[in-house]
Protein backbone atom coordinates (compact mmCIF):
# COMPACT_ATOMS: atom_id res chain seq x y z
CA MET A 1 136.46 119.75 122.43
CA LEU A 2 133.65 122.63 122.61
CA GLU A 3 134.33 122.89 118.77
CA ASN A 4 132.85 119.47 118.62
CA TYR A 5 130.05 120.17 119.12
CA PHE A 6 130.13 123.98 117.44
CA PRO A 7 127.82 121.98 114.44
CA ILE A 8 125.73 120.98 116.99
CA LEU A 9 125.06 124.41 118.66
CA ILE A 10 124.27 125.61 115.07
CA PHE A 11 121.39 123.89 114.00
CA VAL A 12 120.58 124.26 116.88
CA ILE A 13 120.11 128.40 116.32
CA VAL A 14 118.90 126.87 112.64
CA ALA A 15 115.50 125.68 114.01
CA LEU A 16 114.82 127.62 116.74
CA ILE A 17 115.42 130.47 114.47
CA PHE A 18 112.83 129.08 111.72
CA GLY A 19 111.16 127.99 114.99
CA CYS A 20 110.73 130.55 116.89
CA ALA A 21 110.80 132.94 113.10
CA PRO A 22 107.36 133.23 111.92
CA LEU A 23 105.30 132.82 115.42
CA ILE A 24 107.31 136.38 116.30
CA ILE A 25 106.73 138.12 112.49
CA GLY A 26 102.84 136.94 112.64
CA ARG A 27 101.99 139.22 116.00
CA LEU A 28 104.15 141.58 115.10
CA VAL A 29 102.43 142.44 111.23
CA GLY A 30 99.38 140.60 111.94
CA PRO A 31 96.94 142.16 112.48
CA HIS A 32 94.66 142.16 116.07
CA ARG A 33 91.45 142.89 116.38
CA PRO A 34 89.79 140.77 119.31
CA ASP A 35 85.92 140.92 119.34
CA PRO A 36 83.42 139.21 121.34
CA GLU A 37 82.65 136.76 118.72
CA LYS A 38 86.62 135.95 118.63
CA LEU A 39 86.75 135.66 122.04
CA SER A 40 84.25 133.86 123.22
CA PRO A 41 85.58 129.63 123.98
CA TYR A 42 85.24 127.53 121.06
CA GLU A 43 85.49 123.68 120.48
CA CYS A 44 82.39 122.60 118.62
CA GLY A 45 80.76 125.03 116.55
CA PHE A 46 77.74 125.97 119.08
CA GLU A 47 78.49 127.56 123.15
CA ALA A 48 78.80 125.95 125.47
CA PHE A 49 75.93 125.55 127.62
CA GLU A 50 77.06 123.30 131.55
CA ASP A 51 79.89 122.95 133.56
CA ALA A 52 83.36 121.47 132.08
CA ARG A 53 83.53 119.30 134.25
CA MET A 54 80.04 117.09 132.80
CA LYS A 55 79.61 113.34 132.45
CA PHE A 56 81.16 113.35 128.52
CA ASP A 57 80.94 109.65 126.52
CA ALA A 58 84.30 108.21 125.74
CA ARG A 59 82.56 106.36 122.85
CA TYR A 60 84.21 109.47 120.69
CA TYR A 61 87.65 108.90 122.50
CA LEU A 62 86.83 104.97 121.26
CA ILE A 63 86.68 105.23 117.87
CA ALA A 64 89.25 107.29 117.90
CA ILE A 65 91.77 104.83 119.10
CA ILE A 66 90.40 102.71 117.10
CA PHE A 67 91.41 104.61 113.85
CA ILE A 68 94.85 105.23 115.38
CA ILE A 69 94.42 101.42 115.47
CA PHE A 70 93.52 100.74 112.33
CA ASP A 71 95.93 104.30 110.85
CA LEU A 72 99.43 101.77 111.99
CA GLU A 73 97.92 99.22 110.66
CA VAL A 74 98.47 100.57 106.86
CA ALA A 75 101.81 102.48 108.23
CA PHE A 76 102.97 98.91 108.59
CA LEU A 77 101.96 97.35 105.72
CA LEU A 78 102.45 100.12 102.67
CA PRO A 79 106.66 99.92 103.65
CA TRP A 80 105.63 95.78 103.21
CA ALA A 81 104.02 95.91 100.50
CA ALA A 82 106.91 98.08 98.76
CA ILE A 83 109.46 95.72 99.19
CA PHE A 84 106.52 92.62 98.76
CA LYS A 85 108.22 91.40 95.72
CA GLU A 86 112.28 91.89 97.44
CA ILE A 87 110.64 89.65 100.04
CA ALA A 88 108.80 86.72 97.60
CA LEU A 89 111.94 86.24 95.54
CA THR A 90 113.99 85.81 98.63
CA PRO A 91 113.98 81.97 99.23
CA GLU A 92 114.52 81.80 103.34
CA PHE A 93 111.87 85.00 103.67
CA ALA A 94 109.59 84.65 101.34
CA PHE A 95 107.68 82.43 103.84
CA PHE A 96 108.69 84.22 106.67
CA GLY A 97 107.17 88.02 105.75
CA PHE A 98 104.46 86.56 104.50
CA GLY A 99 102.98 85.03 106.80
CA SER A 100 104.59 87.13 109.53
CA MET A 101 102.15 90.19 107.91
CA MET A 102 99.48 87.49 107.68
CA ILE A 103 99.27 86.61 111.14
CA PHE A 104 100.02 91.03 111.95
CA ILE A 105 96.83 91.80 109.85
CA ALA A 106 94.30 88.16 111.12
CA LEU A 107 94.62 89.57 114.90
CA LEU A 108 94.34 93.76 113.24
CA VAL A 109 90.14 91.96 111.88
CA VAL A 110 89.69 89.39 114.56
CA ALA A 111 90.12 92.82 116.58
CA ASP A 112 87.95 95.01 114.55
CA ILE A 113 85.42 92.10 114.48
CA TYR A 114 85.47 92.03 118.88
CA ALA A 115 85.25 95.97 118.28
CA TRP A 116 82.40 95.21 115.76
CA ALA A 117 80.64 92.70 117.97
CA LYS A 118 80.82 94.18 121.15
CA GLY A 119 79.57 97.69 119.83
CA ALA A 120 82.21 99.77 120.08
CA LEU A 121 81.74 100.81 116.38
CA ASP A 122 78.31 101.91 117.09
CA TRP A 123 77.42 106.17 117.26
CA GLU A 124 73.54 106.81 118.29
């Protein structure tokens, strides 16, 4: 029974080597010259000027979530567009394939219009 898991063990060992070896080699071979500028906290290009627990504008996260939603739209739209010819030429799937994607796009357009109307896309 153990011989059935041997290829999996080899795969895990090779994956660990490929994952850890560059990190270890970089740490051993790379230059290590710390200075105050390198060791300073860096987030957005300037020094921190307040406490880390200060209030933060949530619109940044809102824009990021909207970007992810529309990025996923492309992830779903691209494979559909790649096989659209096959879907359109198959009579039993032609209306279903096209209609389902139009419903998907319509929902995303409604969501975009809603976000725009609520001011989620306005940056001050």
